[in-house]
PDB file of N, CA and C in Angstrom:
ATOM      1  N   UNK A   1      17.975 -12.436  -5.402  1.00  0.00           N
ATOM      2  CA  UNK A   1      16.755 -11.694  -5.622  1.00  0.00           C
ATOM      3  C   UNK A   1      15.593 -12.478  -5.018  1.00  0.00           C
ATOM      4  N   UNK A   2      14.752 -11.777  -4.311  1.00  0.00           N
ATOM      5  CA  UNK A   2      13.611 -12.452  -3.696  1.00  0.00           C
ATOM      6  C   UNK A   2      12.367 -12.186  -4.530  1.00  0.00           C
ATOM      7  N   UNK A   3      11.453 -13.119  -4.482  1.00  0.00           N
ATOM      8  CA  UNK A   3      10.205 -12.939  -5.220  1.00  0.00           C
ATOM      9  C   UNK A   3       9.288 -11.993  -4.448  1.00  0.00           C
ATOM     10  N   UNK A   4       8.445 -11.238  -5.145  1.00  0.00           N
ATOM     11  CA  UNK A   4       7.550 -10.309  -4.463  1.00  0.00           C
ATOM     12  C   UNK A   4       6.525 -11.067  -3.627  1.00  0.00           C
ATOM     13  N   UNK A   5       6.079 -10.405  -2.586  1.00  0.00           N
ATOM     14  CA  UNK A   5       5.061 -11.015  -1.737  1.00  0.00           C
ATOM     15  C   UNK A   5       3.685 -10.620  -2.243  1.00  0.00           C
ATOM     16  N   UNK A   6       2.791 -11.553  -2.292  1.00  0.00           N
ATOM     17  CA  UNK A   6       1.428 -11.307  -2.707  1.00  0.00           C
ATOM     18  C   UNK A   6       0.511 -11.663  -1.557  1.00  0.00           C
ATOM     19  N   UNK A   7      -0.540 -10.913  -1.434  1.00  0.00           N
ATOM     20  CA  UNK A   7      -1.534 -11.217  -0.409  1.00  0.00           C
ATOM     21  C   UNK A   7      -2.816 -11.631  -1.096  1.00  0.00           C
ATOM     22  N   UNK A   8      -3.451 -12.592  -0.543  1.00  0.00           N
ATOM     23  CA  UNK A   8      -4.697 -13.093  -1.097  1.00  0.00           C
ATOM     24  C   UNK A   8      -5.844 -12.615  -0.225  1.00  0.00           C
ATOM     25  N   UNK A   9      -6.887 -12.167  -0.889  1.00  0.00           N
ATOM     26  CA  UNK A   9      -8.074 -11.702  -0.192  1.00  0.00           C
ATOM     27  C   UNK A   9      -9.233 -12.589  -0.614  1.00  0.00           C
ATOM     28  N   UNK A  10      -9.779 -13.323   0.334  1.00  0.00           N
ATOM     29  CA  UNK A  10     -10.917 -14.188   0.040  1.00  0.00           C
ATOM     30  C   UNK A  10     -12.200 -13.408   0.258  1.00  0.00           C
ATOM     31  N   UNK A  11     -13.003 -13.313  -0.802  1.00  0.00           N
ATOM     32  CA  UNK A  11     -14.260 -12.577  -0.731  1.00  0.00           C
ATOM     33  C   UNK A  11     -15.440 -13.531  -0.838  1.00  0.00           C
ATOM     34  N   UNK A  12     -16.536 -13.118  -0.225  1.00  0.00           N
ATOM     35  CA  UNK A  12     -17.767 -13.888  -0.390  1.00  0.00           C
ATOM     36  C   UNK A  12     -18.274 -13.664  -1.815  1.00  0.00           C
ATOM     37  N   UNK A  13     -19.228 -14.451  -2.232  1.00  0.00           N
ATOM     38  CA  UNK A  13     -19.815 -14.287  -3.560  1.00  0.00           C
ATOM     39  C   UNK A  13     -20.401 -12.882  -3.675  1.00  0.00           C
ATOM     40  N   UNK A  14     -21.084 -12.438  -2.650  1.00  0.00           N
ATOM     41  CA  UNK A  14     -21.701 -11.100  -2.659  1.00  0.00           C
ATOM     42  C   UNK A  14     -20.638 -10.007  -2.775  1.00  0.00           C
ATOM     43  N   UNK A  15     -19.571 -10.101  -2.000  1.00  0.00           N
ATOM     44  CA  UNK A  15     -18.501  -9.116  -2.062  1.00  0.00           C
ATOM     45  C   UNK A  15     -17.782  -9.151  -3.408  1.00  0.00           C
ATOM     46  N   UNK A  16     -17.580 -10.342  -3.956  1.00  0.00           N
ATOM     47  CA  UNK A  16     -16.952 -10.464  -5.266  1.00  0.00           C
ATOM     48  C   UNK A  16     -17.788  -9.776  -6.334  1.00  0.00           C
ATOM     49  N   UNK A  17     -19.090  -9.960  -6.272  1.00  0.00           N
ATOM     50  CA  UNK A  17     -19.978  -9.333  -7.251  1.00  0.00           C
ATOM     51  C   UNK A  17     -19.954  -7.815  -7.100  1.00  0.00           C
ATOM     52  N   UNK A  18     -19.949  -7.325  -5.866  1.00  0.00           N
ATOM     53  CA  UNK A  18     -19.898  -5.878  -5.629  1.00  0.00           C
ATOM     54  C   UNK A  18     -18.594  -5.296  -6.166  1.00  0.00           C
ATOM     55  N   UNK A  19     -17.496  -6.007  -5.994  1.00  0.00           N
ATOM     56  CA  UNK A  19     -16.197  -5.564  -6.495  1.00  0.00           C
ATOM     57  C   UNK A  19     -16.207  -5.467  -8.014  1.00  0.00           C
ATOM     58  N   UNK A  20     -16.683  -6.498  -8.673  1.00  0.00           N
ATOM     59  CA  UNK A  20     -16.734  -6.505 -10.131  1.00  0.00           C
ATOM     60  C   UNK A  20     -17.685  -5.423 -10.633  1.00  0.00           C
ATOM     61  N   UNK A  21     -18.834  -5.274 -10.002  1.00  0.00           N
ATOM     62  CA  UNK A  21     -19.784  -4.233 -10.403  1.00  0.00           C
ATOM     63  C   UNK A  21     -19.157  -2.842 -10.302  1.00  0.00           C
ATOM     64  N   UNK A  22     -18.379  -2.600  -9.254  1.00  0.00           N
ATOM     65  CA  UNK A  22     -17.724  -1.305  -9.082  1.00  0.00           C
ATOM     66  C   UNK A  22     -16.680  -1.064 -10.172  1.00  0.00           C
ATOM     67  N   UNK A  23     -16.013  -2.105 -10.619  1.00  0.00           N
ATOM     68  CA  UNK A  23     -15.032  -1.960 -11.695  1.00  0.00           C
ATOM     69  C   UNK A  23     -15.710  -1.730 -13.043  1.00  0.00           C
ATOM     70  N   UNK A  24     -16.777  -2.463 -13.286  1.00  0.00           N
ATOM     71  CA  UNK A  24     -17.456  -2.404 -14.579  1.00  0.00           C
ATOM     72  C   UNK A  24     -18.307  -1.141 -14.709  1.00  0.00           C
ATOM     73  N   UNK A  25     -18.971  -0.758 -13.631  1.00  0.00           N
ATOM     74  CA  UNK A  25     -19.880   0.395 -13.669  1.00  0.00           C
ATOM     75  C   UNK A  25     -19.604   1.314 -12.476  1.00  0.00           C
ATOM     76  N   UNK A  26     -18.495   2.034 -12.514  1.00  0.00           N
ATOM     77  CA  UNK A  26     -18.172   2.901 -11.374  1.00  0.00           C
ATOM     78  C   UNK A  26     -19.191   4.032 -11.231  1.00  0.00           C
ATOM     79  N   UNK A  27     -19.425   4.443  -9.995  1.00  0.00           N
ATOM     80  CA  UNK A  27     -20.346   5.548  -9.730  1.00  0.00           C
ATOM     81  C   UNK A  27     -19.708   6.854 -10.172  1.00  0.00           C
ATOM     82  N   UNK A  28     -20.545   7.797 -10.519  1.00  0.00           N
ATOM     83  CA  UNK A  28     -20.063   9.116 -10.931  1.00  0.00           C
ATOM     84  C   UNK A  28     -19.445   9.833  -9.731  1.00  0.00           C
ATOM     85  N   UNK A  29     -18.481  10.691 -10.017  1.00  0.00           N
ATOM     86  CA  UNK A  29     -17.852  11.487  -8.960  1.00  0.00           C
ATOM     87  C   UNK A  29     -18.851  12.545  -8.509  1.00  0.00           C
ATOM     88  N   UNK A  30     -19.073  12.620  -7.202  1.00  0.00           N
ATOM     89  CA  UNK A  30     -20.007  13.615  -6.684  1.00  0.00           C
ATOM     90  C   UNK A  30     -19.267  14.647  -5.829  1.00  0.00           C
ATOM     91  N   UNK A  31     -19.994  15.630  -5.335  1.00  0.00           N
ATOM     92  CA  UNK A  31     -19.382  16.704  -4.547  1.00  0.00           C
ATOM     93  C   UNK A  31     -18.683  16.182  -3.303  1.00  0.00           C
ATOM     94  N   UNK A  32     -19.258  15.170  -2.669  1.00  0.00           N
ATOM     95  CA  UNK A  32     -18.647  14.626  -1.456  1.00  0.00           C
ATOM     96  C   UNK A  32     -17.256  14.075  -1.751  1.00  0.00           C
ATOM     97  N   UNK A  33     -17.120  13.345  -2.859  1.00  0.00           N
ATOM     98  CA  UNK A  33     -15.817  12.793  -3.219  1.00  0.00           C
ATOM     99  C   UNK A  33     -14.844  13.907  -3.587  1.00  0.00           C
ATOM    100  N   UNK A  34     -15.308  14.900  -4.329  1.00  0.00           N
ATOM    101  CA  UNK A  34     -14.445  16.035  -4.677  1.00  0.00           C
ATOM    102  C   UNK A  34     -13.918  16.726  -3.416  1.00  0.00           C
ATOM    103  N   UNK A  35     -14.802  16.931  -2.441  1.00  0.00           N
ATOM    104  CA  UNK A  35     -14.391  17.577  -1.194  1.00  0.00           C
ATOM    105  C   UNK A  35     -13.393  16.713  -0.432  1.00  0.00           C
ATOM    106  N   UNK A  36     -13.611  15.420  -0.429  1.00  0.00           N
ATOM    107  CA  UNK A  36     -12.702  14.504   0.253  1.00  0.00           C
ATOM    108  C   UNK A  36     -11.323  14.537  -0.388  1.00  0.00           C
ATOM    109  N   UNK A  37     -11.273  14.533  -1.716  1.00  0.00           N
ATOM    110  CA  UNK A  37      -9.996  14.596  -2.422  1.00  0.00           C
ATOM    111  C   UNK A  37      -9.297  15.921  -2.125  1.00  0.00           C
ATOM    112  N   UNK A  38     -10.059  17.010  -2.124  1.00  0.00           N
ATOM    113  CA  UNK A  38      -9.470  18.330  -1.843  1.00  0.00           C
ATOM    114  C   UNK A  38      -8.869  18.361  -0.440  1.00  0.00           C
ATOM    115  N   UNK A  39      -9.581  17.808   0.551  1.00  0.00           N
ATOM    116  CA  UNK A  39      -9.053  17.764   1.928  1.00  0.00           C
ATOM    117  C   UNK A  39      -7.795  16.907   1.991  1.00  0.00           C
ATOM    118  N   UNK A  40      -7.803  15.781   1.301  1.00  0.00           N
ATOM    119  CA  UNK A  40      -6.637  14.895   1.286  1.00  0.00           C
ATOM    120  C   UNK A  40      -5.429  15.620   0.710  1.00  0.00           C
ATOM    121  N   UNK A  41      -5.643  16.290  -0.408  1.00  0.00           N
ATOM    122  CA  UNK A  41      -4.533  17.009  -1.041  1.00  0.00           C
ATOM    123  C   UNK A  41      -4.005  18.117  -0.139  1.00  0.00           C
ATOM    124  N   UNK A  42      -4.904  18.805   0.552  1.00  0.00           N
ATOM    125  CA  UNK A  42      -4.468  19.865   1.456  1.00  0.00           C
ATOM    126  C   UNK A  42      -3.627  19.309   2.601  1.00  0.00           C
ATOM    127  N   UNK A  43      -4.038  18.179   3.129  1.00  0.00           N
ATOM    128  CA  UNK A  43      -3.319  17.622   4.283  1.00  0.00           C
ATOM    129  C   UNK A  43      -2.031  16.918   3.896  1.00  0.00           C
ATOM    130  N   UNK A  44      -1.939  16.447   2.654  1.00  0.00           N
ATOM    131  CA  UNK A  44      -0.731  15.719   2.243  1.00  0.00           C
ATOM    132  C   UNK A  44       0.191  16.554   1.365  1.00  0.00           C
ATOM    133  N   UNK A  45      -0.197  17.765   1.035  1.00  0.00           N
ATOM    134  CA  UNK A  45       0.619  18.595   0.156  1.00  0.00           C
ATOM    135  C   UNK A  45       2.026  18.790   0.704  1.00  0.00           C
ATOM    136  N   UNK A  46       2.155  19.105   1.969  1.00  0.00           N
ATOM    137  CA  UNK A  46       3.469  19.285   2.573  1.00  0.00           C
ATOM    138  C   UNK A  46       4.277  18.006   2.570  1.00  0.00           C
ATOM    139  N   UNK A  47       3.625  16.892   2.814  1.00  0.00           N
ATOM    140  CA  UNK A  47       4.305  15.602   2.816  1.00  0.00           C
ATOM    141  C   UNK A  47       4.831  15.272   1.425  1.00  0.00           C
ATOM    142  N   UNK A  48       4.037  15.554   0.390  1.00  0.00           N
ATOM    143  CA  UNK A  48       4.459  15.271  -0.977  1.00  0.00           C
ATOM    144  C   UNK A  48       5.662  16.130  -1.354  1.00  0.00           C
ATOM    145  N   UNK A  49       5.656  17.391  -0.941  1.00  0.00           N
ATOM    146  CA  UNK A  49       6.775  18.276  -1.247  1.00  0.00           C
ATOM    147  C   UNK A  49       8.036  17.781  -0.546  1.00  0.00           C
ATOM    148  N   UNK A  50       7.905  17.352   0.709  1.00  0.00           N
ATOM    149  CA  UNK A  50       9.052  16.817   1.447  1.00  0.00           C
ATOM    150  C   UNK A  50       9.600  15.575   0.759  1.00  0.00           C
ATOM    151  N   UNK A  51       8.725  14.695   0.327  1.00  0.00           N
ATOM    152  CA  UNK A  51       9.140  13.470  -0.353  1.00  0.00           C
ATOM    153  C   UNK A  51       9.845  13.808  -1.653  1.00  0.00           C
ATOM    154  N   UNK A  52       9.310  14.756  -2.409  1.00  0.00           N
ATOM    155  CA  UNK A  52       9.923  15.144  -3.679  1.00  0.00           C
ATOM    156  C   UNK A  52      11.316  15.708  -3.452  1.00  0.00           C
ATOM    157  N   UNK A  53      11.461  16.512  -2.395  1.00  0.00           N
ATOM    158  CA  UNK A  53      12.773  17.089  -2.096  1.00  0.00           C
ATOM    159  C   UNK A  53      13.773  15.997  -1.755  1.00  0.00           C
ATOM    160  N   UNK A  54      13.363  15.060  -0.948  1.00  0.00           N
ATOM    161  CA  UNK A  54      14.255  13.977  -0.534  1.00  0.00           C
ATOM    162  C   UNK A  54      14.632  13.119  -1.724  1.00  0.00           C
ATOM    163  N   UNK A  55      13.682  12.879  -2.636  1.00  0.00           N
ATOM    164  CA  UNK A  55      13.931  12.021  -3.794  1.00  0.00           C
ATOM    165  C   UNK A  55      14.585  12.766  -4.938  1.00  0.00           C
ATOM    166  N   UNK A  56      14.711  14.091  -4.834  1.00  0.00           N
ATOM    167  CA  UNK A  56      15.353  14.854  -5.899  1.00  0.00           C
ATOM    168  C   UNK A  56      14.443  15.245  -7.031  1.00  0.00           C
ATOM    169  N   UNK A  57      13.127  15.111  -6.848  1.00  0.00           N
ATOM    170  CA  UNK A  57      12.184  15.495  -7.903  1.00  0.00           C
ATOM    171  C   UNK A  57      12.178  17.011  -8.046  1.00  0.00           C
ATOM    172  N   UNK A  58      11.944  17.476  -9.261  1.00  0.00           N
ATOM    173  CA  UNK A  58      11.991  18.907  -9.523  1.00  0.00           C
ATOM    174  C   UNK A  58      10.623  19.551  -9.535  1.00  0.00           C
ATOM    175  N   UNK A  59       9.580  18.799  -9.587  1.00  0.00           N
ATOM    176  CA  UNK A  59       8.230  19.375  -9.606  1.00  0.00           C
ATOM    177  C   UNK A  59       7.267  18.386 -10.214  1.00  0.00           C
ATOM    178  N   UNK A  60       6.018  18.531  -9.852  1.00  0.00           N
ATOM    179  CA  UNK A  60       5.011  17.631 -10.374  1.00  0.00           C
ATOM    180  C   UNK A  60       3.829  18.433 -10.869  1.00  0.00           C
ATOM    181  N   UNK A  61       3.157  17.907 -11.852  1.00  0.00           N
ATOM    182  CA  UNK A  61       1.932  18.527 -12.339  1.00  0.00           C
ATOM    183  C   UNK A  61       0.766  17.719 -11.809  1.00  0.00           C
ATOM    184  N   UNK A  62      -0.237  18.414 -11.362  1.00  0.00           N
ATOM    185  CA  UNK A  62      -1.416  17.745 -10.834  1.00  0.00           C
ATOM    186  C   UNK A  62      -2.630  18.287 -11.560  1.00  0.00           C
ATOM    187  N   UNK A  63      -3.405  17.391 -12.170  1.00  0.00           N
ATOM    188  CA  UNK A  63      -4.611  17.852 -12.844  1.00  0.00           C
ATOM    189  C   UNK A  63      -5.768  17.840 -11.879  1.00  0.00           C
ATOM    190  N   UNK A  64      -6.671  18.787 -12.038  1.00  0.00           N
ATOM    191  CA  UNK A  64      -7.807  18.911 -11.109  1.00  0.00           C
ATOM    192  C   UNK A  64      -9.012  18.195 -11.642  1.00  0.00           C
TER     193      UNK A  64
END
């Protein structure tokens, strides 16, 4: 058995603070993000169905 590989990301102090701020106080979801998610789902819907078929999944529920 092999151990998992981990990647390290070195951030500047400013980037580290921005990362923590985003985790602690995430921005509200706006229309732009909703539209982006909708486009992503439309473009990947066929791919997800193909993957489910190959893996033997019977169906998935997706909340909006």
